[in-house]
N, C-alpha and C. Protein backbone atom coordinates (compact mmCIF):
# COMPACT_ATOMS: atom_id res chain seq x y z
N UNK A 1 102.14 76.97 136.29
CA UNK A 1 102.38 76.93 134.84
C UNK A 1 103.45 77.95 134.46
N UNK A 2 104.51 77.58 133.70
CA UNK A 2 105.53 78.54 133.29
C UNK A 2 104.91 79.68 132.51
N UNK A 3 105.56 80.85 132.63
CA UNK A 3 104.99 82.04 131.99
C UNK A 3 104.89 81.88 130.48
N UNK A 4 105.92 81.26 129.85
CA UNK A 4 105.88 81.09 128.40
C UNK A 4 104.74 80.18 127.99
N UNK A 5 104.46 79.14 128.79
CA UNK A 5 103.35 78.25 128.47
C UNK A 5 102.04 78.98 128.61
N UNK A 6 101.95 79.85 129.64
CA UNK A 6 100.73 80.63 129.83
C UNK A 6 100.48 81.53 128.63
N UNK A 7 101.53 82.15 128.13
CA UNK A 7 101.36 83.01 126.96
C UNK A 7 101.00 82.20 125.73
N UNK A 8 101.51 80.99 125.64
CA UNK A 8 101.17 80.16 124.49
C UNK A 8 99.71 79.79 124.51
N UNK A 9 99.15 79.63 125.72
CA UNK A 9 97.75 79.27 125.81
C UNK A 9 96.84 80.49 125.70
N UNK A 10 97.36 81.63 126.02
CA UNK A 10 96.52 82.82 126.04
C UNK A 10 97.23 84.01 125.41
N UNK A 11 97.60 83.93 124.12
CA UNK A 11 98.30 85.02 123.47
C UNK A 11 97.38 86.21 123.26
N UNK A 12 97.97 87.37 123.32
CA UNK A 12 97.20 88.59 123.06
C UNK A 12 96.97 88.71 121.57
N UNK A 13 95.74 88.93 121.16
CA UNK A 13 95.43 89.02 119.74
C UNK A 13 95.10 90.46 119.36
N UNK A 14 95.42 90.85 118.11
CA UNK A 14 95.03 92.17 117.65
C UNK A 14 93.53 92.34 117.74
N UNK A 15 93.08 93.52 118.11
CA UNK A 15 91.66 93.76 118.32
C UNK A 15 91.03 94.40 117.09
N UNK A 16 89.69 94.38 117.07
CA UNK A 16 88.96 95.06 115.99
C UNK A 16 89.21 96.56 116.05
N UNK A 17 89.35 97.07 117.27
CA UNK A 17 89.64 98.50 117.41
C UNK A 17 90.99 98.84 116.78
N UNK A 18 91.96 97.92 116.96
CA UNK A 18 93.26 98.14 116.33
C UNK A 18 93.17 98.12 114.82
N UNK A 19 92.32 97.24 114.28
CA UNK A 19 92.12 97.18 112.84
C UNK A 19 91.53 98.49 112.32
N UNK A 20 90.56 99.03 113.05
CA UNK A 20 89.92 100.28 112.64
C UNK A 20 90.94 101.42 112.66
N UNK A 21 91.77 101.44 113.72
CA UNK A 21 92.79 102.50 113.80
C UNK A 21 93.79 102.39 112.66
N UNK A 22 94.00 101.17 112.17
CA UNK A 22 94.91 100.99 111.04
C UNK A 22 94.24 101.35 109.72
N UNK A 23 92.99 100.92 109.54
CA UNK A 23 92.31 101.09 108.26
C UNK A 23 91.94 102.53 107.95
N UNK A 24 91.44 103.26 108.94
CA UNK A 24 90.94 104.61 108.67
C UNK A 24 92.01 105.52 108.07
N UNK A 25 93.19 105.68 108.72
CA UNK A 25 94.19 106.55 108.08
C UNK A 25 94.66 106.03 106.74
N UNK A 26 94.74 104.69 106.58
CA UNK A 26 95.17 104.15 105.30
C UNK A 26 94.12 104.35 104.21
N UNK A 27 92.84 104.26 104.57
CA UNK A 27 91.78 104.53 103.61
C UNK A 27 91.83 105.98 103.14
N UNK A 28 92.10 106.89 104.07
CA UNK A 28 92.17 108.31 103.72
C UNK A 28 93.39 108.59 102.86
N UNK A 29 94.56 108.12 103.31
CA UNK A 29 95.83 108.45 102.66
C UNK A 29 96.01 107.71 101.35
N UNK A 30 95.69 106.42 101.32
CA UNK A 30 95.97 105.60 100.14
C UNK A 30 94.81 105.48 99.17
N UNK A 31 93.60 105.83 99.62
CA UNK A 31 92.43 105.67 98.77
C UNK A 31 91.74 107.00 98.49
N UNK A 32 91.18 107.62 99.51
CA UNK A 32 90.34 108.81 99.31
C UNK A 32 91.12 109.98 98.71
N UNK A 33 92.23 110.35 99.31
CA UNK A 33 92.97 111.53 98.83
C UNK A 33 93.52 111.35 97.41
N UNK A 34 94.14 110.20 97.07
CA UNK A 34 94.60 110.03 95.68
C UNK A 34 93.46 110.06 94.67
N UNK A 35 92.31 109.49 95.02
CA UNK A 35 91.17 109.50 94.09
C UNK A 35 90.66 110.93 93.90
N UNK A 36 90.53 111.68 94.99
CA UNK A 36 90.07 113.07 94.90
C UNK A 36 91.04 113.89 94.07
N UNK A 37 92.34 113.72 94.32
CA UNK A 37 93.33 114.48 93.56
C UNK A 37 93.27 114.13 92.08
N UNK A 38 93.09 112.85 91.77
CA UNK A 38 92.99 112.42 90.37
C UNK A 38 91.81 113.11 89.68
N UNK A 39 90.67 113.13 90.35
CA UNK A 39 89.48 113.75 89.78
C UNK A 39 89.68 115.25 89.56
N UNK A 40 90.31 115.90 90.52
CA UNK A 40 90.54 117.35 90.42
C UNK A 40 91.50 117.65 89.27
N UNK A 41 92.60 116.91 89.20
CA UNK A 41 93.60 117.18 88.18
C UNK A 41 93.09 116.88 86.77
N UNK A 42 92.43 115.74 86.59
CA UNK A 42 91.92 115.42 85.25
C UNK A 42 90.82 116.39 84.83
N UNK A 43 90.03 116.89 85.78
CA UNK A 43 89.00 117.88 85.46
C UNK A 43 89.62 119.18 84.99
N UNK A 44 90.87 119.42 85.39
CA UNK A 44 91.57 120.64 84.98
C UNK A 44 92.48 120.41 83.79
N UNK A 45 92.33 119.26 83.15
CA UNK A 45 93.06 119.02 81.91
C UNK A 45 94.37 118.28 82.03
N UNK A 46 94.73 117.86 83.23
CA UNK A 46 95.97 117.08 83.41
C UNK A 46 95.75 115.68 82.86
N UNK A 47 96.73 115.15 82.15
CA UNK A 47 96.58 113.81 81.57
C UNK A 47 96.56 112.75 82.67
N UNK A 48 96.12 111.55 82.31
CA UNK A 48 95.85 110.51 83.30
C UNK A 48 97.10 110.08 84.08
N UNK A 49 98.20 109.85 83.39
CA UNK A 49 99.38 109.31 84.07
C UNK A 49 99.93 110.26 85.12
N UNK A 50 100.18 111.54 84.80
CA UNK A 50 100.64 112.45 85.86
C UNK A 50 99.63 112.59 87.00
N UNK A 51 98.33 112.55 86.67
CA UNK A 51 97.31 112.65 87.71
C UNK A 51 97.35 111.43 88.63
N UNK A 52 97.57 110.25 88.05
CA UNK A 52 97.65 109.04 88.86
C UNK A 52 98.91 109.03 89.72
N UNK A 53 100.03 109.42 89.12
CA UNK A 53 101.30 109.41 89.85
C UNK A 53 101.28 110.44 90.98
N UNK A 54 100.59 111.56 90.76
CA UNK A 54 100.53 112.61 91.79
C UNK A 54 99.94 112.10 93.10
N UNK A 55 99.06 111.10 93.01
CA UNK A 55 98.46 110.56 94.22
C UNK A 55 99.46 109.88 95.14
N UNK A 56 100.65 109.54 94.61
CA UNK A 56 101.67 108.88 95.42
C UNK A 56 102.22 109.80 96.50
N UNK A 57 102.01 111.10 96.35
CA UNK A 57 102.54 112.04 97.33
C UNK A 57 101.94 111.82 98.71
N UNK A 58 100.70 111.34 98.76
CA UNK A 58 100.03 111.17 100.06
C UNK A 58 100.61 110.01 100.86
N UNK A 59 100.72 108.78 100.31
CA UNK A 59 101.36 107.72 101.10
C UNK A 59 102.83 108.00 101.39
N UNK A 60 103.50 108.70 100.46
CA UNK A 60 104.90 109.05 100.69
C UNK A 60 105.03 110.00 101.87
N UNK A 61 104.20 111.05 101.90
CA UNK A 61 104.24 112.01 102.99
C UNK A 61 103.83 111.38 104.32
N UNK A 62 102.84 110.49 104.25
CA UNK A 62 102.37 109.84 105.49
C UNK A 62 103.45 108.95 106.08
N UNK A 63 104.17 108.22 105.23
CA UNK A 63 105.23 107.34 105.72
C UNK A 63 106.36 108.14 106.35
N UNK A 64 106.72 109.27 105.71
CA UNK A 64 107.77 110.13 106.27
C UNK A 64 107.33 110.73 107.60
N UNK A 65 106.07 111.19 107.65
CA UNK A 65 105.54 111.75 108.90
C UNK A 65 105.52 110.71 110.01
N UNK A 66 105.13 109.48 109.67
CA UNK A 66 105.07 108.41 110.67
C UNK A 66 106.47 108.09 111.20
N UNK A 67 107.45 108.13 110.32
CA UNK A 67 108.82 107.88 110.76
C UNK A 67 109.31 109.00 111.67
N UNK A 68 109.00 110.25 111.34
CA UNK A 68 109.40 111.38 112.18
C UNK A 68 108.73 111.29 113.55
N UNK A 69 107.45 110.86 113.56
CA UNK A 69 106.69 110.79 114.81
C UNK A 69 107.17 109.66 115.71
N UNK A 70 107.45 108.48 115.12
CA UNK A 70 107.77 107.31 115.93
C UNK A 70 109.27 107.00 115.97
N UNK A 71 110.02 107.54 115.03
CA UNK A 71 111.44 107.23 114.90
C UNK A 71 111.66 105.74 114.65
N UNK A 72 110.63 105.10 114.09
CA UNK A 72 110.73 103.69 113.73
C UNK A 72 110.36 103.54 112.26
N UNK A 73 111.22 102.86 111.54
CA UNK A 73 110.99 102.69 110.10
C UNK A 73 111.13 101.22 109.77
N UNK A 74 110.00 100.51 109.68
CA UNK A 74 110.08 99.06 109.50
C UNK A 74 110.36 98.70 108.05
N UNK A 75 110.66 97.43 107.83
CA UNK A 75 111.06 96.95 106.51
C UNK A 75 109.92 97.07 105.51
N UNK A 76 108.68 96.79 105.95
CA UNK A 76 107.53 96.86 105.05
C UNK A 76 107.34 98.28 104.53
N UNK A 77 107.47 99.27 105.43
CA UNK A 77 107.34 100.68 105.02
C UNK A 77 108.44 101.06 104.04
N UNK A 78 109.65 100.57 104.29
CA UNK A 78 110.77 100.87 103.39
C UNK A 78 110.53 100.28 102.00
N UNK A 79 110.06 99.04 101.96
CA UNK A 79 109.76 98.39 100.67
C UNK A 79 108.66 99.15 99.94
N UNK A 80 107.64 99.59 100.69
CA UNK A 80 106.53 100.34 100.09
C UNK A 80 107.02 101.63 99.46
N UNK A 81 107.85 102.37 100.18
CA UNK A 81 108.36 103.64 99.66
C UNK A 81 109.24 103.41 98.43
N UNK A 82 110.06 102.38 98.49
CA UNK A 82 110.92 102.07 97.35
C UNK A 82 110.08 101.74 96.12
N UNK A 83 109.03 100.95 96.32
CA UNK A 83 108.16 100.58 95.20
C UNK A 83 107.40 101.79 94.67
N UNK A 84 106.97 102.69 95.56
CA UNK A 84 106.28 103.91 95.12
C UNK A 84 107.19 104.72 94.20
N UNK A 85 108.45 104.87 94.61
CA UNK A 85 109.39 105.64 93.79
C UNK A 85 109.65 105.01 92.44
N UNK A 86 109.89 103.69 92.44
CA UNK A 86 110.18 102.99 91.18
C UNK A 86 108.97 103.00 90.25
N UNK A 87 107.78 102.73 90.80
CA UNK A 87 106.58 102.65 89.97
C UNK A 87 106.20 104.03 89.42
N UNK A 88 106.41 105.08 90.23
CA UNK A 88 106.10 106.43 89.76
C UNK A 88 107.01 106.80 88.59
N UNK A 89 108.29 106.50 88.72
CA UNK A 89 109.24 106.80 87.64
C UNK A 89 108.90 106.00 86.39
N UNK A 90 108.60 104.71 86.56
CA UNK A 90 108.28 103.86 85.41
C UNK A 90 106.99 104.30 84.73
N UNK A 91 106.01 104.75 85.52
CA UNK A 91 104.74 105.21 84.95
C UNK A 91 104.95 106.45 84.09
N UNK A 92 105.75 107.39 84.60
CA UNK A 92 106.00 108.62 83.85
C UNK A 92 106.78 108.35 82.58
N UNK A 93 107.67 107.38 82.63
CA UNK A 93 108.46 107.04 81.44
C UNK A 93 107.58 106.34 80.40
N UNK A 94 106.75 105.42 80.85
CA UNK A 94 105.92 104.66 79.92
C UNK A 94 104.74 105.46 79.39
N UNK A 95 104.24 106.39 80.21
CA UNK A 95 103.06 107.20 79.86
C UNK A 95 101.86 106.32 79.52
N UNK A 96 101.77 105.16 80.19
CA UNK A 96 100.67 104.23 79.96
C UNK A 96 99.80 104.17 81.21
N UNK A 97 98.53 104.65 81.13
CA UNK A 97 97.67 104.64 82.31
C UNK A 97 97.47 103.25 82.91
N UNK A 98 97.37 102.24 82.06
CA UNK A 98 97.16 100.89 82.58
C UNK A 98 98.36 100.42 83.40
N UNK A 99 99.55 100.80 82.97
CA UNK A 99 100.74 100.45 83.74
C UNK A 99 100.67 101.09 85.13
N UNK A 100 100.22 102.34 85.17
CA UNK A 100 100.09 103.03 86.46
C UNK A 100 99.09 102.34 87.36
N UNK A 101 98.00 101.84 86.77
CA UNK A 101 96.97 101.16 87.55
C UNK A 101 97.41 99.78 88.01
N UNK A 102 98.26 99.15 87.20
CA UNK A 102 98.71 97.79 87.52
C UNK A 102 99.74 97.75 88.65
N UNK A 103 100.37 98.89 88.93
CA UNK A 103 101.50 98.85 89.86
C UNK A 103 101.10 98.38 91.25
N UNK A 104 99.89 98.75 91.72
CA UNK A 104 99.47 98.31 93.05
C UNK A 104 99.24 96.81 93.09
N UNK A 105 98.68 96.28 92.00
CA UNK A 105 98.46 94.83 91.94
C UNK A 105 99.78 94.09 91.93
N UNK A 106 100.76 94.64 91.23
CA UNK A 106 102.08 94.02 91.19
C UNK A 106 102.69 93.99 92.59
N UNK A 107 102.59 95.11 93.29
CA UNK A 107 103.14 95.17 94.64
C UNK A 107 102.44 94.19 95.57
N UNK A 108 101.10 94.16 95.49
CA UNK A 108 100.34 93.23 96.33
C UNK A 108 100.71 91.79 96.03
N UNK A 109 100.85 91.47 94.74
CA UNK A 109 101.23 90.12 94.36
C UNK A 109 102.62 89.75 94.86
N UNK A 110 103.56 90.67 94.74
CA UNK A 110 104.92 90.41 95.23
C UNK A 110 104.90 90.19 96.74
N UNK A 111 104.11 91.01 97.43
CA UNK A 111 104.01 90.88 98.88
C UNK A 111 103.45 89.51 99.26
N UNK A 112 102.43 89.06 98.49
CA UNK A 112 101.88 87.73 98.74
C UNK A 112 102.91 86.64 98.53
N UNK A 113 103.73 86.78 97.48
CA UNK A 113 104.78 85.79 97.22
C UNK A 113 105.84 85.80 98.33
N UNK A 114 106.07 86.98 98.91
CA UNK A 114 107.03 87.06 100.02
C UNK A 114 106.51 86.26 101.21
N UNK A 115 105.18 86.32 101.44
CA UNK A 115 104.59 85.51 102.51
C UNK A 115 104.89 84.03 102.27
N UNK A 116 104.65 83.57 101.03
CA UNK A 116 104.90 82.16 100.71
C UNK A 116 106.39 81.82 100.85
N UNK A 117 107.24 82.72 100.36
CA UNK A 117 108.67 82.48 100.43
C UNK A 117 109.18 82.39 101.87
N UNK A 118 108.54 83.15 102.76
CA UNK A 118 108.99 83.16 104.16
C UNK A 118 108.75 81.81 104.84
N UNK A 119 107.89 80.98 104.25
CA UNK A 119 107.65 79.65 104.82
C UNK A 119 108.89 78.77 104.72
N UNK A 120 109.81 79.13 103.85
CA UNK A 120 111.04 78.37 103.68
C UNK A 120 112.12 78.81 104.66
N UNK A 121 111.88 79.89 105.38
CA UNK A 121 112.84 80.39 106.36
C UNK A 121 112.56 79.78 107.73
N UNK A 122 113.38 80.13 108.71
CA UNK A 122 113.22 79.55 110.05
C UNK A 122 111.90 79.96 110.69
N UNK A 123 111.44 81.18 110.43
CA UNK A 123 110.17 81.64 110.98
C UNK A 123 109.43 82.42 109.90
N UNK A 124 108.15 82.13 109.69
CA UNK A 124 107.40 82.80 108.61
C UNK A 124 107.15 84.27 108.92
N UNK A 125 106.84 85.01 107.88
CA UNK A 125 106.67 86.46 108.00
C UNK A 125 105.59 86.84 109.01
N UNK A 126 104.52 86.06 109.09
CA UNK A 126 103.43 86.42 109.98
C UNK A 126 103.84 86.36 111.44
N UNK A 127 104.87 85.59 111.76
CA UNK A 127 105.38 85.56 113.13
C UNK A 127 105.84 86.96 113.55
N UNK A 128 106.51 87.66 112.65
CA UNK A 128 107.04 88.99 112.97
C UNK A 128 105.95 90.05 112.93
N UNK A 129 105.05 89.95 111.95
CA UNK A 129 103.97 90.93 111.84
C UNK A 129 103.02 90.82 113.02
N UNK A 130 102.58 89.59 113.32
CA UNK A 130 101.68 89.38 114.46
C UNK A 130 102.37 89.74 115.76
N UNK A 131 103.67 89.46 115.85
CA UNK A 131 104.41 89.80 117.05
C UNK A 131 104.47 91.29 117.30
N UNK A 132 104.59 92.06 116.23
CA UNK A 132 104.63 93.51 116.38
C UNK A 132 103.32 94.04 116.95
N UNK A 133 102.18 93.50 116.44
CA UNK A 133 100.88 93.93 116.93
C UNK A 133 100.61 93.42 118.35
N UNK A 134 101.01 92.18 118.62
CA UNK A 134 100.68 91.56 119.90
C UNK A 134 101.52 92.07 121.04
N UNK A 135 102.76 92.49 120.75
CA UNK A 135 103.64 92.94 121.82
C UNK A 135 103.69 94.45 121.97
N UNK A 136 103.20 95.15 120.94
CA UNK A 136 103.25 96.61 121.01
C UNK A 136 104.66 97.16 121.01
N UNK A 137 105.62 96.32 120.61
CA UNK A 137 107.01 96.76 120.59
C UNK A 137 107.71 96.69 121.93
N UNK A 138 107.00 96.20 122.96
CA UNK A 138 107.59 96.10 124.29
C UNK A 138 108.65 94.98 124.30
N UNK A 139 109.89 95.27 124.71
CA UNK A 139 110.97 94.26 124.66
C UNK A 139 110.67 93.02 125.49
N UNK A 140 110.07 93.20 126.67
CA UNK A 140 109.79 92.06 127.53
C UNK A 140 108.75 91.14 126.89
N UNK A 141 107.68 91.74 126.38
CA UNK A 141 106.65 90.93 125.72
C UNK A 141 107.21 90.30 124.45
N UNK A 142 108.11 90.98 123.76
CA UNK A 142 108.70 90.40 122.55
C UNK A 142 109.53 89.16 122.89
N UNK A 143 110.23 89.19 124.03
CA UNK A 143 110.97 88.00 124.46
C UNK A 143 110.02 86.83 124.72
N UNK A 144 108.89 87.12 125.36
CA UNK A 144 107.90 86.08 125.60
C UNK A 144 107.33 85.56 124.27
N UNK A 145 107.11 86.50 123.33
CA UNK A 145 106.59 86.10 122.02
C UNK A 145 107.56 85.15 121.33
N UNK A 146 108.85 85.44 121.40
CA UNK A 146 109.85 84.55 120.82
C UNK A 146 109.82 83.18 121.48
N UNK A 147 109.58 83.16 122.79
CA UNK A 147 109.53 81.88 123.51
C UNK A 147 108.40 80.97 123.02
N UNK A 148 107.35 81.58 122.47
CA UNK A 148 106.22 80.78 122.02
C UNK A 148 106.58 79.85 120.86
N UNK A 149 107.66 80.15 120.18
CA UNK A 149 108.03 79.36 119.01
C UNK A 149 108.36 77.91 119.38
N UNK A 150 108.64 77.64 120.64
CA UNK A 150 108.96 76.27 121.05
C UNK A 150 107.75 75.34 120.99
N UNK A 151 106.53 75.91 120.93
CA UNK A 151 105.32 75.09 120.95
C UNK A 151 104.89 74.73 119.51
N UNK A 152 104.74 73.44 119.20
CA UNK A 152 104.35 73.01 117.85
C UNK A 152 103.04 73.64 117.38
N UNK A 153 102.05 73.77 118.28
CA UNK A 153 100.77 74.35 117.88
C UNK A 153 100.92 75.81 117.47
N UNK A 154 101.81 76.54 118.14
CA UNK A 154 102.05 77.94 117.80
C UNK A 154 102.74 78.04 116.45
N UNK A 155 103.75 77.19 116.23
CA UNK A 155 104.46 77.21 114.94
C UNK A 155 103.50 76.89 113.80
N UNK A 156 102.63 75.89 114.02
CA UNK A 156 101.66 75.51 112.98
C UNK A 156 100.70 76.67 112.70
N UNK A 157 100.23 77.34 113.76
CA UNK A 157 99.29 78.46 113.59
C UNK A 157 99.93 79.59 112.80
N UNK A 158 101.19 79.92 113.09
CA UNK A 158 101.87 81.00 112.38
C UNK A 158 102.02 80.67 110.89
N UNK A 159 102.27 79.40 110.59
CA UNK A 159 102.43 79.01 109.18
C UNK A 159 101.08 79.02 108.45
N UNK A 160 100.04 78.57 109.13
CA UNK A 160 98.71 78.59 108.52
C UNK A 160 98.28 80.02 108.23
N UNK A 161 98.50 80.92 109.19
CA UNK A 161 98.13 82.32 109.01
C UNK A 161 98.95 82.96 107.89
N UNK A 162 100.22 82.60 107.80
CA UNK A 162 101.07 83.13 106.73
C UNK A 162 100.56 82.69 105.36
N UNK A 163 100.18 81.43 105.23
CA UNK A 163 99.61 80.94 103.97
C UNK A 163 98.31 81.67 103.65
N UNK A 164 97.48 81.88 104.66
CA UNK A 164 96.19 82.56 104.47
C UNK A 164 96.40 83.95 103.88
N UNK A 165 97.34 84.70 104.45
CA UNK A 165 97.59 86.06 103.95
C UNK A 165 98.26 86.03 102.58
N UNK A 166 99.10 85.04 102.33
CA UNK A 166 99.71 84.92 101.01
C UNK A 166 98.67 84.68 99.93
N UNK A 167 97.73 83.79 100.20
CA UNK A 167 96.65 83.52 99.25
C UNK A 167 95.79 84.76 99.05
N UNK A 168 95.50 85.47 100.13
CA UNK A 168 94.66 86.67 100.04
C UNK A 168 95.31 87.75 99.18
N UNK A 169 96.60 88.00 99.40
CA UNK A 169 97.29 89.05 98.65
C UNK A 169 97.45 88.67 97.18
N UNK A 170 97.83 87.44 96.89
CA UNK A 170 97.99 87.02 95.49
C UNK A 170 96.63 87.02 94.78
N UNK A 171 95.59 86.53 95.47
CA UNK A 171 94.25 86.54 94.87
C UNK A 171 93.77 87.94 94.58
N UNK A 172 94.01 88.86 95.52
CA UNK A 172 93.63 90.26 95.32
C UNK A 172 94.36 90.85 94.12
N UNK A 173 95.65 90.54 94.00
CA UNK A 173 96.45 91.06 92.89
C UNK A 173 95.90 90.59 91.55
N UNK A 174 95.54 89.31 91.46
CA UNK A 174 95.03 88.75 90.21
C UNK A 174 93.71 89.40 89.82
N UNK A 175 92.80 89.53 90.78
CA UNK A 175 91.48 90.12 90.50
C UNK A 175 91.62 91.57 90.07
N UNK A 176 92.41 92.34 90.82
CA UNK A 176 92.54 93.77 90.48
C UNK A 176 93.27 93.98 89.16
N UNK A 177 94.23 93.12 88.87
CA UNK A 177 94.93 93.24 87.58
C UNK A 177 93.96 93.00 86.43
N UNK A 178 93.05 92.04 86.59
CA UNK A 178 92.06 91.78 85.54
C UNK A 178 91.12 92.96 85.37
N UNK A 179 90.76 93.62 86.48
CA UNK A 179 89.82 94.74 86.42
C UNK A 179 90.42 95.95 85.71
N UNK A 180 91.75 96.05 85.68
CA UNK A 180 92.39 97.16 84.97
C UNK A 180 91.94 97.20 83.51
N UNK A 181 91.73 96.02 82.92
CA UNK A 181 91.38 95.92 81.50
C UNK A 181 89.87 95.87 81.26
N UNK A 182 89.11 95.96 82.35
CA UNK A 182 87.65 95.89 82.23
C UNK A 182 86.99 97.23 82.57
N UNK A 183 87.45 97.88 83.65
CA UNK A 183 86.82 99.10 84.14
C UNK A 183 87.51 100.35 83.60
N UNK A 184 86.80 101.45 83.64
CA UNK A 184 87.41 102.74 83.33
C UNK A 184 88.37 103.11 84.46
N UNK A 185 89.23 104.08 84.21
CA UNK A 185 90.21 104.48 85.23
C UNK A 185 89.53 104.95 86.50
N UNK A 186 88.53 105.81 86.39
CA UNK A 186 87.84 106.33 87.57
C UNK A 186 87.15 105.23 88.35
N UNK A 187 86.48 104.32 87.62
CA UNK A 187 85.78 103.22 88.29
C UNK A 187 86.78 102.28 88.95
N UNK A 188 87.90 102.05 88.27
CA UNK A 188 88.90 101.15 88.84
C UNK A 188 89.49 101.71 90.13
N UNK A 189 89.76 102.99 90.17
CA UNK A 189 90.35 103.59 91.36
C UNK A 189 89.50 103.33 92.59
N UNK A 190 88.19 103.40 92.43
CA UNK A 190 87.28 103.16 93.55
C UNK A 190 87.18 101.66 93.84
N UNK A 191 86.93 100.86 92.78
CA UNK A 191 86.75 99.41 92.96
C UNK A 191 88.01 98.77 93.53
N UNK A 192 89.17 99.24 93.09
CA UNK A 192 90.42 98.67 93.54
C UNK A 192 90.59 98.80 95.04
N UNK A 193 90.30 100.00 95.56
CA UNK A 193 90.47 100.22 97.00
C UNK A 193 89.42 99.47 97.81
N UNK A 194 88.19 99.42 97.28
CA UNK A 194 87.13 98.67 97.97
C UNK A 194 87.52 97.20 98.08
N UNK A 195 88.03 96.64 96.97
CA UNK A 195 88.43 95.23 96.96
C UNK A 195 89.59 94.98 97.92
N UNK A 196 90.61 95.84 97.86
CA UNK A 196 91.79 95.60 98.68
C UNK A 196 91.46 95.69 100.17
N UNK A 197 90.79 96.76 100.58
CA UNK A 197 90.53 96.91 102.01
C UNK A 197 89.45 95.95 102.48
N UNK A 198 88.55 95.56 101.58
CA UNK A 198 87.60 94.51 101.92
C UNK A 198 88.31 93.19 102.15
N UNK A 199 89.27 92.87 101.25
CA UNK A 199 90.07 91.67 101.41
C UNK A 199 90.85 91.71 102.71
N UNK A 200 91.44 92.86 102.99
CA UNK A 200 92.27 93.00 104.19
C UNK A 200 91.44 92.80 105.45
N UNK A 201 90.29 93.47 105.52
CA UNK A 201 89.43 93.34 106.70
C UNK A 201 88.91 91.92 106.85
N UNK A 202 88.52 91.30 105.73
CA UNK A 202 88.01 89.94 105.78
C UNK A 202 89.07 88.94 106.22
N UNK A 203 90.29 89.10 105.70
CA UNK A 203 91.37 88.19 106.09
C UNK A 203 91.77 88.40 107.55
N UNK A 204 91.73 89.65 107.98
CA UNK A 204 92.02 89.95 109.38
C UNK A 204 91.00 89.27 110.29
N UNK A 205 89.72 89.38 109.92
CA UNK A 205 88.66 88.75 110.73
C UNK A 205 88.83 87.23 110.74
N UNK A 206 89.19 86.66 109.58
CA UNK A 206 89.42 85.22 109.51
C UNK A 206 90.60 84.81 110.38
N UNK A 207 91.64 85.64 110.38
CA UNK A 207 92.81 85.36 111.21
C UNK A 207 92.46 85.38 112.69
N UNK A 208 91.66 86.38 113.11
CA UNK A 208 91.25 86.46 114.50
C UNK A 208 90.40 85.26 114.91
N UNK A 209 89.49 84.85 114.02
CA UNK A 209 88.64 83.70 114.32
C UNK A 209 89.48 82.43 114.45
N UNK A 210 90.45 82.27 113.57
CA UNK A 210 91.34 81.11 113.64
C UNK A 210 92.16 81.14 114.92
N UNK A 211 92.66 82.33 115.29
CA UNK A 211 93.44 82.45 116.51
C UNK A 211 92.63 82.09 117.74
N UNK A 212 91.36 82.51 117.76
CA UNK A 212 90.51 82.16 118.91
C UNK A 212 90.25 80.65 118.95
N UNK A 213 90.09 80.04 117.78
CA UNK A 213 89.86 78.59 117.74
C UNK A 213 91.08 77.83 118.24
N UNK A 214 92.27 78.26 117.83
CA UNK A 214 93.51 77.64 118.30
C UNK A 214 93.66 77.80 119.81
N UNK A 215 93.29 78.99 120.29
CA UNK A 215 93.39 79.24 121.73
C UNK A 215 92.43 78.35 122.51
N UNK A 216 91.20 78.20 122.01
CA UNK A 216 90.23 77.33 122.70
C UNK A 216 90.71 75.89 122.70
N UNK A 217 91.31 75.47 121.60
CA UNK A 217 91.82 74.10 121.52
C UNK A 217 92.94 73.87 122.52
N UNK A 218 93.79 74.92 122.69
CA UNK A 218 94.90 74.81 123.66
C UNK A 218 94.39 74.74 125.09
N UNK A 219 93.27 75.43 125.34
CA UNK A 219 92.73 75.47 126.70
C UNK A 219 91.88 74.25 127.03
N UNK A 220 91.44 73.52 126.01
CA UNK A 220 90.51 72.40 126.23
C UNK A 220 91.03 71.36 127.22
N UNK A 221 92.29 70.88 127.10
CA UNK A 221 92.76 69.88 128.06
C UNK A 221 92.75 70.37 129.50
N UNK A 222 93.10 71.68 129.63
CA UNK A 222 93.12 72.26 130.97
C UNK A 222 91.73 72.33 131.55
N UNK A 223 90.74 72.70 130.72
CA UNK A 223 89.36 72.81 131.20
C UNK A 223 88.82 71.44 131.56
N UNK A 224 89.27 70.40 130.85
CA UNK A 224 88.76 69.07 131.10
C UNK A 224 89.36 68.48 132.35
């Protein structure tokens, strides 16, 4: 069996351990630390908007540290940093707490629309994201990953997964945007992160289950 066909039948999938390694630092940097800082600052009399914007320092510092450590700065990280800067400036200018709370939902929604938009390109966004996790950045494995695109079942799977993540991100954005007008600021900060990371973990698990099903289907003729 050619090596590319073997990889198509048995692609390496992101593991649960990899998900945990991704979620824990992001939960700390993007959720726990900004919430703690908000509580500390507002308790000391700082108004809501500056207290909310101050939490942006943690994801900003983490992204810069990650770039210094790995010397790799991907497009998603660049877009995130750009949005952090723009939303922080807009929040301070508007001085509207709800605007500050809505910015994450806006970013998530835009990201979901990018997933949908990528379906109109030669290869959907999930092809590149999954490839980064599956190859570990190794050039040889990345060449094999590119070779998988010749298989119709692989192309279909990448498009289905891209749609799944697009729906998840847009749905999360809509729900969290609605909660901005229902919950208090403190309650929203907690609920927002629980919803987002719950959505992320659930969609990741769904993606893995779908990938295993596609793999079993590919192996079925061989087993028979």
